[in-house]
Amino acid sequence: MKVKRYKRVNKYLQFYMNSFGYRPPFQVVIDATFAQSCLKSKINIREQMTKYFGKHEIKLVTTVCVVQETQRLSQSLYGALLVIKQFPIHRCGHEKSPIAANDCIRELICGSGNNNPDHYMLATQDLQLTRSVRRSVVCPLIYLNGNVIVMTKPVDSVKEEAHRRGVDASDQLAEHDVQVLSKLKEIHGLADDSVGDNQPKKRRKGPKGPNPLSCKKPKTKPTTTTTTKTSGAGSSGSAGGGDGGTGSTDSRLRKRKRNRGRGGAASKTTHIKQMFDKIVANISTGGGGGGADTTN
């Protein structure tokens, strides 16, 4: 079976299930005309019907009146009679005095109030029976189109009936909801009588500020405490007065730090220069003394 045909029949079945309460297993009433057409096309009704309905269960039935009428026409419908007898006989109320097959099917489907209470489906090739059932009651109709089993599309009258039932059901549901809410209010002490001026009023929401996550954070300046050398020296001098020892030690420490900050090569050169100066001074003092001794 093609995918389009499978989707179409599922759509129709879902419509009847949601709007009119059809439930599987679906009861399909078969008459002699449908059995005869399937026999000519060499179609197995049970097998093809099961494939056509897919996952939904079906129950193929017929009536005593259909079997009796087919037996009276057994010369031309002998094969259809054998096919019809394969399906279970559904009680139609005419077992003692059978009537015409079309009248029997119409009474079975339409019922007393023309509302198809048992949710039957009809499989027939009789156009007169199809028109009469379609005008009087909501019933899915199945027929054979060539070698293919097809379900008719719901007509406008059926759609209007479904819409009317849906509106009525929604109104009833709304009333039921109102009753349930009123009972719950009484149970929890939230009835309309108990609600007075003490009920807090809703705050009106004003304009909201910007999102703090999307805003750029303000830059905070670092607080640094700078102490000048002059202020430090003045304070030490004023505080120390005649304390020269502390001043000399501070100056030495500063010099050492400066020397450390300079390169190691500069300190070496100064040291060598100082040693050289000492050697020259010693030589000069020693030479002056020797000359004086020789003169004496």
C-alpha atoms as a PDB file:
ATOM      1  CA  MET A   1       0.000   0.000   0.000  1.00  0.00           C
ATOM      2  CA  LYS A   2       1.284   3.448  -0.907  1.00  0.00           C
ATOM      3  CA  VAL A   3       2.356   5.819   1.815  1.00  0.00           C
ATOM      4  CA  LYS A   4      -0.108   8.536   0.766  1.00  0.00           C
ATOM      5  CA  ARG A   5      -3.077   6.172   1.010  1.00  0.00           C
ATOM      6  CA  TYR A   6      -1.892   4.904   4.388  1.00  0.00           C
ATOM      7  CA  LYS A   7      -1.542   8.458   5.737  1.00  0.00           C
ATOM      8  CA  ARG A   8      -4.950   9.412   4.346  1.00  0.00           C
ATOM      9  CA  VAL A   9      -6.823   6.560   6.011  1.00  0.00           C
ATOM     10  CA  ASN A  10      -5.028   7.207   9.301  1.00  0.00           C
ATOM     11  CA  LYS A  11      -6.080  10.852   9.085  1.00  0.00           C
ATOM     12  CA  TYR A  12      -9.734   9.896   8.505  1.00  0.00           C
ATOM     13  CA  LEU A  13      -9.709   7.338  11.314  1.00  0.00           C
ATOM     14  CA  GLN A  14      -8.166   9.852  13.698  1.00  0.00           C
ATOM     15  CA  PHE A  15     -10.883  12.342  12.770  1.00  0.00           C
ATOM     16  CA  TYR A  16     -13.681   9.860  13.540  1.00  0.00           C
ATOM     17  CA  MET A  17     -11.987   8.750  16.741  1.00  0.00           C
ATOM     18  CA  ASN A  18     -11.530  12.270  18.083  1.00  0.00           C
ATOM     19  CA  SER A  19     -14.874  13.695  16.957  1.00  0.00           C
ATOM     20  CA  PHE A  20     -17.354  10.804  17.208  1.00  0.00           C
ATOM     21  CA  GLY A  21     -15.839   8.355  19.663  1.00  0.00           C
ATOM     22  CA  TYR A  22     -14.842   5.539  17.299  1.00  0.00           C
ATOM     23  CA  ARG A  23     -12.569   2.993  18.961  1.00  0.00           C
ATOM     24  CA  PRO A  24     -10.863  -0.172  17.717  1.00  0.00           C
ATOM     25  CA  PRO A  25     -11.752  -2.847  16.962  1.00  0.00           C
ATOM     26  CA  PHE A  26     -13.728  -1.118  14.199  1.00  0.00           C
ATOM     27  CA  GLN A  27     -16.871  -2.980  13.136  1.00  0.00           C
ATOM     28  CA  VAL A  28     -17.144  -3.076   9.330  1.00  0.00           C
ATOM     29  CA  VAL A  29     -20.460  -4.264   7.871  1.00  0.00           C
ATOM     30  CA  ILE A  30     -20.004  -5.978   4.481  1.00  0.00           C
ATOM     31  CA  ASP A  31     -22.781  -6.496   1.961  1.00  0.00           C
ATOM     32  CA  ALA A  32     -23.003  -8.776  -1.091  1.00  0.00           C
ATOM     33  CA  THR A  33     -22.086  -6.084  -3.631  1.00  0.00           C
ATOM     34  CA  PHE A  34     -18.723  -5.455  -1.973  1.00  0.00           C
ATOM     35  CA  ALA A  35     -18.022  -9.193  -1.708  1.00  0.00           C
ATOM     36  CA  GLN A  36     -18.880  -9.694  -5.376  1.00  0.00           C
ATOM     37  CA  SER A  37     -16.578  -6.849  -6.506  1.00  0.00           C
ATOM     38  CA  CYS A  38     -13.697  -8.197  -4.423  1.00  0.00           C
ATOM     39  CA  LEU A  39     -14.260 -11.666  -5.867  1.00  0.00           C
ATOM     40  CA  LYS A  40     -14.071 -10.330  -9.418  1.00  0.00           C
ATOM     41  CA  SER A  41     -10.876  -8.409  -8.644  1.00  0.00           C
ATOM     42  CA  LYS A  42      -9.424 -11.477  -6.841  1.00  0.00           C
ATOM     43  CA  ILE A  43      -8.984  -9.601  -3.570  1.00  0.00           C
ATOM     44  CA  ASN A  44      -8.874 -11.286  -0.193  1.00  0.00           C
ATOM     45  CA  ILE A  45     -11.124  -9.037   1.898  1.00  0.00           C
ATOM     46  CA  ARG A  46      -9.776  -9.989   5.310  1.00  0.00           C
ATOM     47  CA  GLU A  47      -6.136  -9.692   4.260  1.00  0.00           C
ATOM     48  CA  GLN A  48      -6.478  -6.403   2.393  1.00  0.00           C
ATOM     49  CA  MET A  49      -8.695  -4.827   5.044  1.00  0.00           C
ATOM     50  CA  THR A  50      -6.144  -5.664   7.728  1.00  0.00           C
ATOM     51  CA  LYS A  51      -3.369  -4.081   5.662  1.00  0.00           C
ATOM     52  CA  TYR A  52      -5.491  -1.025   4.902  1.00  0.00           C
ATOM     53  CA  PHE A  53      -6.317  -0.287   8.551  1.00  0.00           C
ATOM     54  CA  GLY A  54      -2.720  -0.925   9.596  1.00  0.00           C
ATOM     55  CA  LYS A  55      -2.199  -1.010  13.353  1.00  0.00           C
ATOM     56  CA  HIS A  56      -5.935  -0.656  14.106  1.00  0.00           C
ATOM     57  CA  GLU A  57      -7.932  -3.820  14.744  1.00  0.00           C
ATOM     58  CA  ILE A  58     -11.062  -4.493  12.705  1.00  0.00           C
ATOM     59  CA  LYS A  59     -14.024  -6.819  12.937  1.00  0.00           C
ATOM     60  CA  LEU A  60     -15.675  -7.810   9.653  1.00  0.00           C
ATOM     61  CA  VAL A  61     -19.363  -8.705  10.094  1.00  0.00           C
ATOM     62  CA  THR A  62     -22.517  -9.213   8.060  1.00  0.00           C
ATOM     63  CA  THR A  63     -26.201  -9.776   8.834  1.00  0.00           C
ATOM     64  CA  VAL A  64     -28.757 -12.558   8.378  1.00  0.00           C
ATOM     65  CA  CYS A  65     -30.715 -10.435   5.919  1.00  0.00           C
ATOM     66  CA  VAL A  66     -27.654 -10.033   3.663  1.00  0.00           C
ATOM     67  CA  VAL A  67     -27.004 -13.780   3.700  1.00  0.00           C
ATOM     68  CA  GLN A  68     -30.672 -14.606   2.975  1.00  0.00           C
ATOM     69  CA  GLU A  69     -30.886 -12.168   0.082  1.00  0.00           C
ATOM     70  CA  THR A  70     -27.637 -13.490  -1.389  1.00  0.00           C
ATOM     71  CA  GLN A  71     -28.976 -17.052  -1.172  1.00  0.00           C
ATOM     72  CA  ARG A  72     -32.094 -16.053  -3.109  1.00  0.00           C
ATOM     73  CA  LEU A  73     -29.789 -14.713  -5.831  1.00  0.00           C
ATOM     74  CA  SER A  74     -27.379 -17.635  -5.579  1.00  0.00           C
ATOM     75  CA  GLN A  75     -27.340 -18.278  -9.315  1.00  0.00           C
ATOM     76  CA  SER A  76     -25.560 -14.980 -10.053  1.00  0.00           C
ATOM     77  CA  LEU A  77     -23.948 -14.394  -6.627  1.00  0.00           C
ATOM     78  CA  TYR A  78     -22.840 -17.879  -5.615  1.00  0.00           C
ATOM     79  CA  GLY A  79     -19.203 -16.825  -5.167  1.00  0.00           C
ATOM     80  CA  ALA A  80     -20.242 -13.770  -3.140  1.00  0.00           C
ATOM     81  CA  LEU A  81     -22.378 -16.061  -0.935  1.00  0.00           C
ATOM     82  CA  LEU A  82     -19.350 -18.210  -0.130  1.00  0.00           C
ATOM     83  CA  VAL A  83     -17.330 -15.105   0.711  1.00  0.00           C
ATOM     84  CA  ILE A  84     -20.092 -13.622   2.903  1.00  0.00           C
ATOM     85  CA  LYS A  85     -20.451 -16.813   4.913  1.00  0.00           C
ATOM     86  CA  GLN A  86     -16.802 -16.534   6.016  1.00  0.00           C
ATOM     87  CA  PHE A  87     -17.631 -13.575   8.259  1.00  0.00           C
ATOM     88  CA  PRO A  88     -19.518 -13.735  11.592  1.00  0.00           C
ATOM     89  CA  ILE A  89     -23.233 -12.954  11.602  1.00  0.00           C
ATOM     90  CA  HIS A  90     -24.150  -9.818  13.531  1.00  0.00           C
ATOM     91  CA  ARG A  91     -27.530  -9.617  15.254  1.00  0.00           C
ATOM     92  CA  CYS A  92     -29.789  -7.233  13.428  1.00  0.00           C
ATOM     93  CA  GLY A  93     -33.180  -8.122  14.986  1.00  0.00           C
ATOM     94  CA  HIS A  94     -34.574  -9.645  11.811  1.00  0.00           C
ATOM     95  CA  GLU A  95     -33.545 -13.247  12.415  1.00  0.00           C
ATOM     96  CA  LYS A  96     -37.121 -14.556  12.447  1.00  0.00           C
ATOM     97  CA  SER A  97     -38.376 -12.459   9.540  1.00  0.00           C
ATOM     98  CA  PRO A  98     -35.526 -11.266   7.294  1.00  0.00           C
ATOM     99  CA  ILE A  99     -36.020  -8.087   5.270  1.00  0.00           C
ATOM    100  CA  ALA A 100     -34.173  -6.497   2.337  1.00  0.00           C
ATOM    101  CA  ALA A 101     -30.437  -6.220   2.822  1.00  0.00           C
ATOM    102  CA  ASN A 102     -30.326  -2.437   2.255  1.00  0.00           C
ATOM    103  CA  ASP A 103     -33.141  -1.790   4.756  1.00  0.00           C
ATOM    104  CA  CYS A 104     -31.510  -4.073   7.308  1.00  0.00           C
ATOM    105  CA  ILE A 105     -28.130  -2.341   7.020  1.00  0.00           C
ATOM    106  CA  ARG A 106     -29.761   1.099   7.177  1.00  0.00           C
ATOM    107  CA  GLU A 107     -31.650   0.238  10.367  1.00  0.00           C
ATOM    108  CA  LEU A 108     -28.562  -1.354  11.908  1.00  0.00           C
ATOM    109  CA  ILE A 109     -26.342   1.642  11.266  1.00  0.00           C
ATOM    110  CA  CYS A 110     -28.773   4.482  11.792  1.00  0.00           C
ATOM    111  CA  GLY A 111     -30.379   3.027  14.911  1.00  0.00           C
ATOM    112  CA  SER A 112     -33.394   4.594  16.582  1.00  0.00           C
ATOM    113  CA  GLY A 113     -32.039   8.162  16.749  1.00  0.00           C
ATOM    114  CA  ASN A 114     -30.079   8.278  13.483  1.00  0.00           C
ATOM    115  CA  ASN A 115     -26.791   8.620  15.357  1.00  0.00           C
ATOM    116  CA  ASN A 116     -24.953   5.320  14.696  1.00  0.00           C
ATOM    117  CA  PRO A 117     -24.645   4.425  18.399  1.00  0.00           C
ATOM    118  CA  ASP A 118     -22.466   1.328  17.840  1.00  0.00           C
ATOM    119  CA  HIS A 119     -20.037   3.166  15.493  1.00  0.00           C
ATOM    120  CA  TYR A 120     -20.354   0.903  12.477  1.00  0.00           C
ATOM    121  CA  MET A 121     -18.485   1.284   9.192  1.00  0.00           C
ATOM    122  CA  LEU A 122     -20.046   0.233   5.907  1.00  0.00           C
ATOM    123  CA  ALA A 123     -18.288  -1.519   2.998  1.00  0.00           C
ATOM    124  CA  THR A 124     -20.535  -1.497  -0.072  1.00  0.00           C
ATOM    125  CA  GLN A 125     -20.627  -0.843  -3.792  1.00  0.00           C
ATOM    126  CA  ASP A 126     -24.340   0.096  -3.801  1.00  0.00           C
ATOM    127  CA  LEU A 127     -24.609   3.818  -4.629  1.00  0.00           C
ATOM    128  CA  GLN A 128     -28.220   4.080  -3.443  1.00  0.00           C
ATOM    129  CA  LEU A 129     -27.371   2.638  -0.029  1.00  0.00           C
ATOM    130  CA  THR A 130     -24.295   4.865   0.195  1.00  0.00           C
ATOM    131  CA  ARG A 131     -26.312   8.050  -0.473  1.00  0.00           C
ATOM    132  CA  SER A 132     -29.068   7.185   1.985  1.00  0.00           C
ATOM    133  CA  VAL A 133     -26.615   6.382   4.792  1.00  0.00           C
ATOM    134  CA  ARG A 134     -24.521   9.488   4.103  1.00  0.00           C
ATOM    135  CA  ARG A 135     -27.581  11.762   4.280  1.00  0.00           C
ATOM    136  CA  SER A 136     -28.946  10.324   7.506  1.00  0.00           C
ATOM    137  CA  VAL A 137     -26.022   9.411   9.763  1.00  0.00           C
ATOM    138  CA  VAL A 138     -22.283   9.789  10.358  1.00  0.00           C
ATOM    139  CA  CYS A 139     -20.717   6.584   9.062  1.00  0.00           C
ATOM    140  CA  PRO A 140     -17.337   5.950   7.390  1.00  0.00           C
ATOM    141  CA  LEU A 141     -17.951   4.446   3.958  1.00  0.00           C
ATOM    142  CA  ILE A 142     -15.582   1.989   2.272  1.00  0.00           C
ATOM    143  CA  TYR A 143     -15.678   0.969  -1.368  1.00  0.00           C
ATOM    144  CA  LEU A 144     -13.509  -0.747  -3.960  1.00  0.00           C
ATOM    145  CA  ASN A 145     -11.844   1.483  -6.549  1.00  0.00           C
ATOM    146  CA  GLY A 146     -10.474  -0.893  -9.168  1.00  0.00           C
ATOM    147  CA  ASN A 147      -8.199  -3.185  -7.147  1.00  0.00           C
ATOM    148  CA  VAL A 148      -7.808  -0.786  -4.223  1.00  0.00           C
ATOM    149  CA  ILE A 149      -9.861  -0.481  -1.025  1.00  0.00           C
ATOM    150  CA  VAL A 150     -10.648   3.176  -0.299  1.00  0.00           C
ATOM    151  CA  MET A 151     -12.392   5.049   2.529  1.00  0.00           C
ATOM    152  CA  THR A 152     -14.424   8.092   1.498  1.00  0.00           C
ATOM    153  CA  LYS A 153     -13.443  11.540   2.715  1.00  0.00           C
ATOM    154  CA  PRO A 154     -15.730  13.008   5.420  1.00  0.00           C
ATOM    155  CA  VAL A 155     -18.276  15.303   3.761  1.00  0.00           C
ATOM    156  CA  ASP A 156     -19.039  18.871   4.872  1.00  0.00           C
ATOM    157  CA  SER A 157     -22.108  17.852   6.890  1.00  0.00           C
ATOM    158  CA  VAL A 158     -19.981  15.425   8.907  1.00  0.00           C
ATOM    159  CA  LYS A 159     -17.374  18.122   9.557  1.00  0.00           C
ATOM    160  CA  GLU A 160     -20.075  20.556  10.705  1.00  0.00           C
ATOM    161  CA  GLU A 161     -21.469  17.926  13.072  1.00  0.00           C
ATOM    162  CA  ALA A 162     -17.985  17.310  14.446  1.00  0.00           C
ATOM    163  CA  HIS A 163     -17.488  21.048  14.977  1.00  0.00           C
ATOM    164  CA  ARG A 164     -20.842  21.343  16.764  1.00  0.00           C
ATOM    165  CA  ARG A 165     -20.021  18.418  19.040  1.00  0.00           C
ATOM    166  CA  GLY A 166     -16.618  19.885  19.757  1.00  0.00           C
ATOM    167  CA  VAL A 167     -18.126  23.239  20.768  1.00  0.00           C
ATOM    168  CA  ASP A 168     -20.679  21.547  23.035  1.00  0.00           C
ATOM    169  CA  ALA A 169     -17.976  19.424  24.632  1.00  0.00           C
ATOM    170  CA  SER A 170     -15.794  22.478  25.280  1.00  0.00           C
ATOM    171  CA  ASP A 171     -18.713  24.313  26.928  1.00  0.00           C
ATOM    172  CA  GLN A 172     -19.456  21.358  29.168  1.00  0.00           C
ATOM    173  CA  LEU A 173     -15.803  21.072  30.071  1.00  0.00           C
ATOM    174  CA  ALA A 174     -15.655  24.758  30.964  1.00  0.00           C
ATOM    175  CA  GLU A 175     -18.667  24.454  33.276  1.00  0.00           C
ATOM    176  CA  HIS A 176     -17.125  21.422  34.936  1.00  0.00           C
ATOM    177  CA  ASP A 177     -13.875  23.302  35.451  1.00  0.00           C
ATOM    178  CA  VAL A 178     -15.744  26.212  37.032  1.00  0.00           C
ATOM    179  CA  GLN A 179     -17.490  23.880  39.463  1.00  0.00           C
ATOM    180  CA  VAL A 180     -14.231  22.190  40.433  1.00  0.00           C
ATOM    181  CA  LEU A 181     -12.516  25.532  41.001  1.00  0.00           C
ATOM    182  CA  SER A 182     -15.366  26.812  43.163  1.00  0.00           C
ATOM    183  CA  LYS A 183     -15.190  23.666  45.321  1.00  0.00           C
ATOM    184  CA  LEU A 184     -11.435  23.998  45.714  1.00  0.00           C
ATOM    185  CA  LYS A 185     -11.823  27.639  46.740  1.00  0.00           C
ATOM    186  CA  GLU A 186     -14.364  26.687  49.411  1.00  0.00           C
ATOM    187  CA  ILE A 187     -12.100  23.936  50.754  1.00  0.00           C
ATOM    188  CA  HIS A 188      -9.051  26.198  51.055  1.00  0.00           C
ATOM    189  CA  GLY A 189     -11.004  29.244  52.263  1.00  0.00           C
ATOM    190  CA  LEU A 190     -10.503  31.256  49.087  1.00  0.00           C
ATOM    191  CA  ALA A 191     -14.145  31.851  48.220  1.00  0.00           C
ATOM    192  CA  ASP A 192     -15.231  35.151  46.709  1.00  0.00           C
ATOM    193  CA  ASP A 193     -17.002  36.224  49.947  1.00  0.00           C
ATOM    194  CA  SER A 194     -13.885  35.877  52.051  1.00  0.00           C
ATOM    195  CA  VAL A 195     -11.795  37.936  49.657  1.00  0.00           C
ATOM    196  CA  GLY A 196     -12.050  41.606  50.674  1.00  0.00           C
ATOM    197  CA  ASP A 197     -10.013  44.749  50.754  1.00  0.00           C
ATOM    198  CA  ASN A 198      -7.283  43.001  52.744  1.00  0.00           C
ATOM    199  CA  GLN A 199      -6.077  41.291  49.627  1.00  0.00           C
ATOM    200  CA  PRO A 200      -2.703  42.807  48.667  1.00  0.00           C
ATOM    201  CA  LYS A 201      -2.697  44.746  45.458  1.00  0.00           C
ATOM    202  CA  LYS A 202      -0.407  43.783  42.682  1.00  0.00           C
ATOM    203  CA  ARG A 203       2.622  45.970  42.267  1.00  0.00           C
ATOM    204  CA  ARG A 204       2.914  47.650  38.937  1.00  0.00           C
ATOM    205  CA  LYS A 205       6.218  46.987  37.363  1.00  0.00           C
ATOM    206  CA  GLY A 206       8.091  50.155  36.477  1.00  0.00           C
ATOM    207  CA  PRO A 207      10.961  50.639  34.092  1.00  0.00           C
ATOM    208  CA  LYS A 208      13.759  48.256  34.732  1.00  0.00           C
ATOM    209  CA  GLY A 209      17.400  49.220  34.993  1.00  0.00           C
ATOM    210  CA  PRO A 210      20.146  47.966  32.737  1.00  0.00           C
ATOM    211  CA  ASN A 211      21.381  44.460  32.989  1.00  0.00           C
ATOM    212  CA  PRO A 212      24.386  44.529  35.353  1.00  0.00           C
ATOM    213  CA  LEU A 213      26.068  41.692  33.498  1.00  0.00           C
ATOM    214  CA  SER A 214      26.048  43.640  30.234  1.00  0.00           C
ATOM    215  CA  CYS A 215      27.410  46.861  31.766  1.00  0.00           C
ATOM    216  CA  LYS A 216      31.105  47.690  31.876  1.00  0.00           C
ATOM    217  CA  LYS A 217      32.522  47.713  35.355  1.00  0.00           C
ATOM    218  CA  PRO A 218      33.889  51.106  36.546  1.00  0.00           C
ATOM    219  CA  LYS A 219      37.640  51.376  36.886  1.00  0.00           C
ATOM    220  CA  THR A 220      38.854  51.726  40.482  1.00  0.00           C
ATOM    221  CA  LYS A 221      41.976  53.895  40.949  1.00  0.00           C
ATOM    222  CA  PRO A 222      44.585  52.261  43.218  1.00  0.00           C
ATOM    223  CA  THR A 223      45.241  54.213  46.462  1.00  0.00           C
ATOM    224  CA  THR A 224      49.055  54.588  46.739  1.00  0.00           C
ATOM    225  CA  THR A 225      50.794  56.215  49.718  1.00  0.00           C
ATOM    226  CA  THR A 226      53.933  57.994  48.428  1.00  0.00           C
ATOM    227  CA  THR A 227      56.500  59.229  50.953  1.00  0.00           C
ATOM    228  CA  THR A 228      59.055  61.686  49.653  1.00  0.00           C
ATOM    229  CA  LYS A 229      62.703  61.456  50.562  1.00  0.00           C
ATOM    230  CA  THR A 230      62.810  65.007  51.687  1.00  0.00           C
ATOM    231  CA  SER A 231      59.990  64.569  54.119  1.00  0.00           C
ATOM    232  CA  GLY A 232      61.656  61.451  55.474  1.00  0.00           C
ATOM    233  CA  ALA A 233      65.031  63.156  55.848  1.00  0.00           C
ATOM    234  CA  GLY A 234      63.512  66.212  57.489  1.00  0.00           C
ATOM    235  CA  SER A 235      61.571  64.135  59.921  1.00  0.00           C
ATOM    236  CA  SER A 236      64.671  62.093  60.811  1.00  0.00           C
ATOM    237  CA  GLY A 237      66.772  65.207  61.229  1.00  0.00           C
ATOM    238  CA  SER A 238      64.206  66.937  63.359  1.00  0.00           C
ATOM    239  CA  ALA A 239      63.639  63.869  65.420  1.00  0.00           C
ATOM    240  CA  GLY A 240      67.307  62.854  65.741  1.00  0.00           C
ATOM    241  CA  GLY A 241      68.816  66.294  66.236  1.00  0.00           C
ATOM    242  CA  GLY A 242      72.425  65.597  67.256  1.00  0.00           C
ATOM    243  CA  ASP A 243      72.230  61.810  66.719  1.00  0.00           C
ATOM    244  CA  GLY A 244      74.906  61.535  64.021  1.00  0.00           C
ATOM    245  CA  GLY A 245      75.386  57.783  64.300  1.00  0.00           C
ATOM    246  CA  THR A 246      72.030  56.926  62.868  1.00  0.00           C
ATOM    247  CA  GLY A 247      72.539  59.415  60.019  1.00  0.00           C
ATOM    248  CA  SER A 248      75.936  57.926  59.085  1.00  0.00           C
ATOM    249  CA  THR A 249      74.604  54.363  59.136  1.00  0.00           C
ATOM    250  CA  ASP A 250      71.697  55.353  56.902  1.00  0.00           C
ATOM    251  CA  SER A 251      74.072  56.973  54.413  1.00  0.00           C
ATOM    252  CA  ARG A 252      76.267  53.878  54.367  1.00  0.00           C
ATOM    253  CA  LEU A 253      73.310  51.643  53.709  1.00  0.00           C
ATOM    254  CA  ARG A 254      72.227  53.869  50.837  1.00  0.00           C
ATOM    255  CA  LYS A 255      75.720  53.749  49.338  1.00  0.00           C
ATOM    256  CA  ARG A 256      75.800  49.971  49.600  1.00  0.00           C
ATOM    257  CA  LYS A 257      72.482  49.760  47.864  1.00  0.00           C
ATOM    258  CA  ARG A 258      73.711  52.049  45.131  1.00  0.00           C
ATOM    259  CA  ASN A 259      76.844  49.984  44.696  1.00  0.00           C
ATOM    260  CA  ARG A 260      74.791  46.826  44.524  1.00  0.00           C
ATOM    261  CA  GLY A 261      72.547  48.409  41.954  1.00  0.00           C
ATOM    262  CA  ARG A 262      75.495  49.297  39.780  1.00  0.00           C
ATOM    263  CA  GLY A 263      77.386  46.663  37.819  1.00  0.00           C
ATOM    264  CA  GLY A 264      80.047  44.433  39.468  1.00  0.00           C
ATOM    265  CA  ALA A 265      82.743  45.703  37.048  1.00  0.00           C
ATOM    266  CA  ALA A 266      82.457  49.303  38.329  1.00  0.00           C
ATOM    267  CA  SER A 267      83.016  48.230  41.928  1.00  0.00           C
ATOM    268  CA  LYS A 268      86.096  46.192  40.933  1.00  0.00           C
ATOM    269  CA  THR A 269      87.664  49.122  39.075  1.00  0.00           C
ATOM    270  CA  THR A 270      87.229  51.470  42.000  1.00  0.00           C
ATOM    271  CA  HIS A 271      88.768  48.939  44.350  1.00  0.00           C
ATOM    272  CA  ILE A 272      91.803  48.429  42.084  1.00  0.00           C
ATOM    273  CA  LYS A 273      92.210  52.192  41.751  1.00  0.00           C
ATOM    274  CA  GLN A 274      92.212  52.633  45.505  1.00  0.00           C
ATOM    275  CA  MET A 275      94.851  49.883  45.932  1.00  0.00           C
ATOM    276  CA  PHE A 276      97.007  51.461  43.267  1.00  0.00           C
ATOM    277  CA  ASP A 277      96.840  54.838  44.949  1.00  0.00           C
ATOM    278  CA  LYS A 278      97.922  53.296  48.279  1.00  0.00           C
ATOM    279  CA  ILE A 279     100.933  51.586  46.647  1.00  0.00           C
ATOM    280  CA  VAL A 280     102.044  54.832  44.977  1.00  0.00           C
ATOM    281  CA  ALA A 281     101.731  56.699  48.248  1.00  0.00           C
ATOM    282  CA  ASN A 282     103.857  54.115  50.098  1.00  0.00           C
ATOM    283  CA  ILE A 283     106.583  54.201  47.461  1.00  0.00           C
ATOM    284  CA  SER A 284     106.737  57.957  47.484  1.00  0.00           C
ATOM    285  CA  THR A 285     107.023  58.133  51.271  1.00  0.00           C
ATOM    286  CA  GLY A 286     109.700  55.444  51.352  1.00  0.00           C
ATOM    287  CA  GLY A 287     111.874  57.166  48.653  1.00  0.00           C
ATOM    288  CA  GLY A 288     111.811  60.524  50.433  1.00  0.00           C
ATOM    289  CA  GLY A 289     113.095  59.007  53.669  1.00  0.00           C
ATOM    290  CA  GLY A 290     116.044  57.207  51.953  1.00  0.00           C
ATOM    291  CA  GLY A 291     117.346  60.374  50.338  1.00  0.00           C
ATOM    292  CA  ALA A 292     117.444  62.167  53.666  1.00  0.00           C
ATOM    293  CA  ASP A 293     119.503  59.358  55.250  1.00  0.00           C
ATOM    294  CA  THR A 294     122.183  59.485  52.477  1.00  0.00           C
ATOM    295  CA  THR A 295     122.672  63.208  52.872  1.00  0.00           C
ATOM    296  CA  ASN A 296     123.199  62.865  56.576  1.00  0.00           C
END
